[in-house]
Amino acid sequence: MLWDVLRFFAVIAGVLIVYFIIIGSLIMGNNLLEFLILKRFEGKSRDVVIIVITCLFEFMITWIVAFAAPLNFTDTLFMTSLLFVSIMWLSSVSKASFDNELSVEQKLYSGTDSQHKINAARFAITPIKSGTILFGLIGFITSVIVYLPFFLEL
């Protein structure tokens, strides 16, 4: 019984260590990307570079998942493209919802007006979101092209 509890905490500690390593790597990669690549570009060209880098990063994650698990790459591409677009959309909606909840709670508990209007969730396009949408479209179109003969046989 005690060994099971210790093993559980060891697994949790291992997951947390891996999590912090991934987060630290992403932060260092972001700084490296900013200082080595993105400082050379300005305006629209910088946005295009961010879109391309986002698509390449998501493609790399898809390839790693398809390689690590014995899955077909096309199926993995379709599912990860849906996953990335869903995560992007849910994060936008949940941020607006959180802001509205915070405003209502501030008004309720303080008794004063928070000077914050309740806003509907709006989808603001950024270069990273554009890259994710482009990757989602590429994944969907690729899956349709690959599986089109199967659908035409029905």
Protein backbone atom coordinates (compact mmCIF):
# COMPACT_ATOMS: atom_id res chain seq x y z
CA MET A 1 0.00 0.00 0.00
CA LEU A 2 2.75 2.42 0.94
CA TRP A 3 4.72 1.50 -2.19
CA ASP A 4 1.69 2.26 -4.34
CA VAL A 5 1.37 5.71 -2.80
CA LEU A 6 5.10 6.34 -3.24
CA ARG A 7 4.96 5.14 -6.83
CA PHE A 8 1.99 7.45 -7.47
CA PHE A 9 3.90 10.46 -6.11
CA ALA A 10 6.99 9.45 -8.10
CA VAL A 11 4.91 9.40 -11.29
CA ILE A 12 3.40 12.79 -10.45
CA ALA A 13 6.89 14.19 -9.76
CA GLY A 14 8.16 12.76 -13.04
CA VAL A 15 5.27 14.29 -14.99
CA LEU A 16 5.85 17.66 -13.33
CA ILE A 17 9.57 17.55 -14.10
CA VAL A 18 8.84 16.74 -17.77
CA TYR A 19 6.21 19.50 -17.82
CA PHE A 20 8.65 22.10 -16.48
CA ILE A 21 11.34 20.94 -18.91
CA ILE A 22 8.91 21.36 -21.82
CA ILE A 23 7.78 24.80 -20.63
CA GLY A 24 11.39 25.91 -20.07
CA SER A 25 12.36 24.64 -23.52
CA LEU A 26 9.50 26.51 -25.12
CA ILE A 27 10.47 29.73 -23.32
CA MET A 28 14.11 29.37 -24.33
CA GLY A 29 13.06 28.49 -27.89
CA ASN A 30 10.84 31.56 -28.00
CA ASN A 31 13.69 33.80 -26.86
CA LEU A 32 16.06 32.20 -29.35
CA LEU A 33 13.50 32.58 -32.13
CA GLU A 34 12.92 36.22 -31.23
CA PHE A 35 16.57 37.20 -31.06
CA LEU A 36 17.95 35.16 -33.96
CA ILE A 37 15.20 35.13 -36.57
CA LEU A 38 12.33 37.52 -35.92
CA LYS A 39 14.45 40.62 -35.24
CA ARG A 40 15.45 40.61 -38.93
CA PHE A 41 11.86 41.03 -40.13
CA GLU A 42 9.31 43.80 -39.70
CA GLY A 43 5.66 44.28 -40.53
CA LYS A 44 3.93 41.83 -42.85
CA SER A 45 7.06 39.79 -43.51
CA ARG A 46 7.39 39.16 -39.76
CA ASP A 47 3.77 37.95 -39.67
CA VAL A 48 4.42 35.59 -42.60
CA VAL A 49 7.51 34.18 -40.86
CA ILE A 50 5.49 33.60 -37.66
CA ILE A 51 2.74 31.84 -39.66
CA VAL A 52 5.28 29.58 -41.38
CA ILE A 53 7.07 28.79 -38.10
CA THR A 54 3.72 27.98 -36.44
CA CYS A 55 2.79 25.59 -39.25
CA LEU A 56 6.23 23.95 -39.10
CA PHE A 57 6.02 23.56 -35.31
CA GLU A 58 2.58 21.97 -35.52
CA PHE A 59 3.73 19.73 -38.38
CA MET A 60 6.71 18.64 -36.25
CA ILE A 61 4.41 17.76 -33.34
CA THR A 62 2.17 15.81 -35.73
CA TRP A 63 5.13 13.91 -37.15
CA ILE A 64 6.44 13.07 -33.66
CA VAL A 65 3.02 11.77 -32.58
CA ALA A 66 2.65 9.72 -35.78
CA PHE A 67 6.17 8.33 -35.40
CA ALA A 68 5.94 7.61 -31.66
CA ALA A 69 2.63 5.79 -31.96
CA PRO A 70 2.16 3.34 -34.81
CA LEU A 71 -0.41 5.51 -36.55
CA ASN A 72 -0.99 6.49 -40.15
CA PHE A 73 0.41 9.97 -40.78
CA THR A 74 -2.70 11.18 -42.65
CA ASP A 75 -4.98 10.18 -39.79
CA THR A 76 -2.66 11.80 -37.28
CA LEU A 77 -2.48 14.96 -39.39
CA PHE A 78 -6.27 15.19 -39.53
CA MET A 79 -6.71 14.64 -35.79
CA THR A 80 -3.91 16.99 -34.68
CA SER A 81 -5.11 19.72 -37.02
CA LEU A 82 -8.57 19.44 -35.47
CA LEU A 83 -7.02 19.39 -32.01
CA PHE A 84 -4.89 22.51 -32.57
CA VAL A 85 -7.80 24.49 -34.04
CA SER A 86 -10.07 23.37 -31.18
CA ILE A 87 -7.54 24.34 -28.53
CA MET A 88 -7.07 27.75 -30.16
CA TRP A 89 -10.82 28.38 -30.34
CA LEU A 90 -11.49 27.16 -26.78
CA SER A 91 -8.71 29.31 -25.35
CA SER A 92 -10.21 32.39 -27.03
CA VAL A 93 -13.69 31.66 -25.72
CA SER A 94 -12.52 30.78 -22.22
CA LYS A 95 -10.46 33.99 -21.95
CA ALA A 96 -13.50 36.13 -22.76
CA SER A 97 -15.61 34.10 -20.34
CA PHE A 98 -13.00 34.46 -17.59
CA ASP A 99 -12.81 38.23 -18.12
CA ASN A 100 -16.60 38.52 -17.89
CA GLU A 101 -16.73 36.40 -14.74
CA LEU A 102 -14.02 38.50 -13.15
CA SER A 103 -15.89 41.70 -13.95
CA VAL A 104 -19.17 40.38 -12.52
CA GLU A 105 -17.47 39.08 -9.36
CA GLN A 106 -15.70 42.39 -8.85
CA LYS A 107 -19.00 44.23 -9.17
CA LEU A 108 -20.80 41.77 -6.89
CA TYR A 109 -18.28 41.64 -4.05
CA SER A 110 -17.08 45.23 -4.05
CA GLY A 111 -20.48 46.82 -4.60
CA THR A 112 -18.99 49.19 -7.15
CA ASP A 113 -19.15 49.25 -10.88
CA SER A 114 -16.04 47.72 -12.38
CA GLN A 115 -16.25 49.97 -15.45
CA HIS A 116 -16.05 46.83 -17.54
CA LYS A 117 -18.77 45.89 -19.98
CA ILE A 118 -19.74 42.31 -20.55
CA ASN A 119 -18.31 41.44 -23.93
CA ALA A 120 -19.08 38.60 -26.26
CA ALA A 121 -16.20 36.35 -27.20
CA ARG A 122 -14.52 37.76 -30.26
CA PHE A 123 -12.01 35.97 -32.36
CA ALA A 124 -9.02 38.21 -33.00
CA ILE A 125 -6.71 37.03 -35.75
CA THR A 126 -3.03 36.94 -34.84
CA PRO A 127 -0.20 35.44 -36.87
CA ILE A 128 -0.07 32.38 -34.63
CA LYS A 129 -3.83 31.83 -34.94
CA SER A 130 -3.53 32.30 -38.71
CA GLY A 131 -0.82 29.64 -38.80
CA THR A 132 -2.98 27.27 -36.78
CA ILE A 133 -5.97 27.84 -39.06
CA LEU A 134 -3.75 27.30 -42.12
CA PHE A 135 -2.43 24.07 -40.60
CA GLY A 136 -6.01 22.95 -39.89
CA LEU A 137 -7.01 23.61 -43.48
CA ILE A 138 -3.95 21.77 -44.78
CA GLY A 139 -4.77 18.78 -42.56
CA PHE A 140 -8.41 18.71 -43.63
CA ILE A 141 -7.68 19.13 -47.35
CA THR A 142 -4.93 16.50 -47.24
CA SER A 143 -7.26 14.02 -45.55
CA VAL A 144 -10.02 14.68 -48.09
CA ILE A 145 -7.61 14.19 -51.00
CA VAL A 146 -6.16 10.98 -49.57
CA TYR A 147 -9.51 9.43 -48.64
CA LEU A 148 -11.54 10.74 -51.61
CA PRO A 149 -11.30 7.43 -53.54
CA PHE A 150 -12.71 5.63 -50.51
CA PHE A 151 -15.70 7.98 -50.34
CA LEU A 152 -16.32 7.75 -54.10
CA GLU A 153 -16.53 3.95 -53.92
CA LEU A 154 -19.51 4.11 -51.57
